[in-house]
Protein backbone atom coordinates (compact mmCIF):
# COMPACT_ATOMS: atom_id res chain seq x y z
CA SER A 1 0.11 0.31 0.16
CA GLU A 2 1.29 3.56 -0.59
CA LEU A 3 1.13 4.31 2.99
CA GLY A 4 2.91 1.21 4.40
CA GLN A 5 5.26 2.56 1.46
CA GLY A 6 5.65 6.01 2.57
CA THR A 7 6.48 5.19 6.30
CA VAL A 8 9.26 2.48 4.67
CA ILE A 9 10.56 4.95 2.92
CA ALA A 10 11.30 7.22 5.99
CA ALA A 11 12.60 4.69 7.98
CA VAL A 12 14.91 4.09 5.56
CA ALA A 13 15.52 8.41 4.98
CA ALA A 14 16.17 7.88 9.25
CA CYS A 15 19.39 6.07 8.64
CA LEU A 16 20.75 8.96 6.41
CA SER A 17 21.46 10.39 10.02
CA ASP A 18 22.91 7.22 11.25
CA LYS A 19 26.81 7.93 13.08
CA GLU A 20 28.13 5.50 10.06
CA GLU A 21 29.18 7.00 6.72
CA SER A 22 28.50 3.18 5.90
CA VAL A 23 24.80 2.95 6.91
CA GLN A 24 24.20 6.31 5.34
CA ASP A 25 25.14 5.32 2.19
CA ALA A 26 23.74 2.00 2.18
CA ALA A 27 20.68 4.03 3.04
CA ALA A 28 20.59 6.11 -0.01
CA GLN A 29 20.94 2.94 -1.83
CA ALA A 30 18.19 1.39 -0.30
CA LEU A 31 16.33 4.78 -1.49
CA MET A 32 16.75 4.45 -4.86
CA GLY A 33 15.75 0.60 -4.97
CA LEU A 34 12.57 1.36 -2.72
CA SER A 35 11.89 5.09 -4.78
CA ARG A 36 11.06 5.82 -8.35
CA PRO A 37 12.79 8.71 -9.37
CA GLY A 38 11.21 12.03 -8.45
CA ASP A 39 9.33 10.19 -5.38
CA GLU A 40 7.90 12.91 -3.76
CA THR A 41 7.45 11.19 0.17
CA ALA A 42 11.54 9.52 -0.89
CA LEU A 43 11.94 13.61 -1.77
CA ARG A 44 10.46 14.96 1.01
CA ALA A 45 12.56 12.63 3.70
CA VAL A 46 15.62 13.20 1.99
CA ILE A 47 15.32 16.84 1.76
CA GLU A 48 14.42 17.38 5.68
CA ARG A 49 17.78 15.28 5.70
CA LEU A 50 19.70 18.66 4.34
CA GLY A 51 19.89 20.62 7.75
CA ASP A 52 21.10 17.80 9.59
CA ARG A 53 23.86 19.28 12.08
CA ALA A 54 25.91 16.75 11.36
CA SER A 55 27.79 17.12 8.27
CA GLN A 56 28.22 13.53 6.90
CA ASN A 57 24.14 13.77 7.32
CA ARG A 58 24.00 16.44 4.96
CA CYS A 59 26.38 14.82 2.70
CA ALA A 60 24.65 11.44 2.37
CA ALA A 61 21.60 13.67 1.94
CA LEU A 62 23.28 15.96 -0.85
CA ARG A 63 23.82 12.06 -2.99
CA ALA A 64 20.45 10.92 -2.29
CA LEU A 65 18.53 13.19 -3.75
CA ALA A 66 21.49 13.71 -6.58
CA HIS A 67 20.20 9.64 -7.66
CA LEU A 68 16.02 10.34 -6.17
CA ALA A 69 15.29 13.95 -8.08
CA ASP A 70 14.98 13.47 -11.42
CA ARG A 71 17.38 15.16 -13.69
CA GLY A 72 16.62 19.09 -14.03
CA ASN A 73 14.71 20.08 -11.15
CA PRO A 74 14.00 22.55 -10.41
CA ALA A 75 13.63 22.81 -6.34
CA ALA A 76 15.73 19.75 -6.27
CA ILE A 77 18.10 21.80 -7.77
CA ALA A 78 17.67 25.09 -5.15
CA VAL A 79 18.11 22.66 -1.49
CA VAL A 80 21.11 21.51 -3.02
CA ALA A 81 22.65 24.95 -4.42
CA GLU A 82 21.64 26.26 -1.26
CA ARG A 83 24.28 23.81 0.85
CA LEU A 84 27.25 25.57 -2.05
CA GLU A 85 26.77 28.08 1.07
CA ASP A 86 27.36 25.90 4.34
CA SER A 87 29.88 26.97 5.67
CA LEU A 88 32.31 23.43 5.71
CA ALA A 89 34.65 22.67 2.57
CA LYS A 90 33.33 18.56 2.39
CA VAL A 91 29.66 19.71 2.17
CA ARG A 92 30.21 22.23 -0.36
CA ALA A 93 31.72 20.05 -2.71
CA THR A 94 29.60 17.56 -2.08
CA ALA A 95 26.52 20.16 -3.45
CA ALA A 96 28.47 20.98 -6.04
CA ALA A 97 28.95 16.71 -7.34
CA SER A 98 25.44 16.77 -6.71
CA LEU A 99 24.41 19.57 -8.77
CA ARG A 100 26.36 18.36 -11.40
CA LYS A 101 24.54 15.29 -11.95
CA LEU A 102 20.50 17.25 -11.19
CA ALA A 103 21.77 19.65 -13.53
CA GLU A 104 20.61 19.37 -17.78
CA ARG A 105 23.40 21.10 -19.43
CA GLY A 106 24.29 25.04 -19.84
CA ASP A 107 20.94 24.87 -16.76
CA ARG A 108 20.99 29.07 -16.43
CA ASN A 109 19.06 28.28 -12.80
CA ALA A 110 22.11 26.04 -11.71
CA ILE A 111 24.50 28.19 -13.50
CA ALA A 112 23.55 31.55 -11.51
CA CYS A 113 24.22 29.09 -7.92
CA VAL A 114 27.47 28.79 -9.38
């Protein structure tokens, strides 16, 4: 059922905040397997993690978002672009890599972000 799937996606997304990077990466992989590209439930769950206090959790969420959002998705591009201003270089670099995966070639909105 749709409700059950949403609950599973939310539970897996919570693992993006695990202290172990291997668990974060496994959660990102699982979300990609459970969700269709553009799945709103998965996208919302991942976007919620972009503001996490722990930098590794922000990075895991950025990597997952780059895989879950449709290429050219303006909302995803906007939230990833916000992380280009992160206080930590590691998060900014992950945001830039995610932006490259999300943006269409010549995307003026994405270009304006950098």
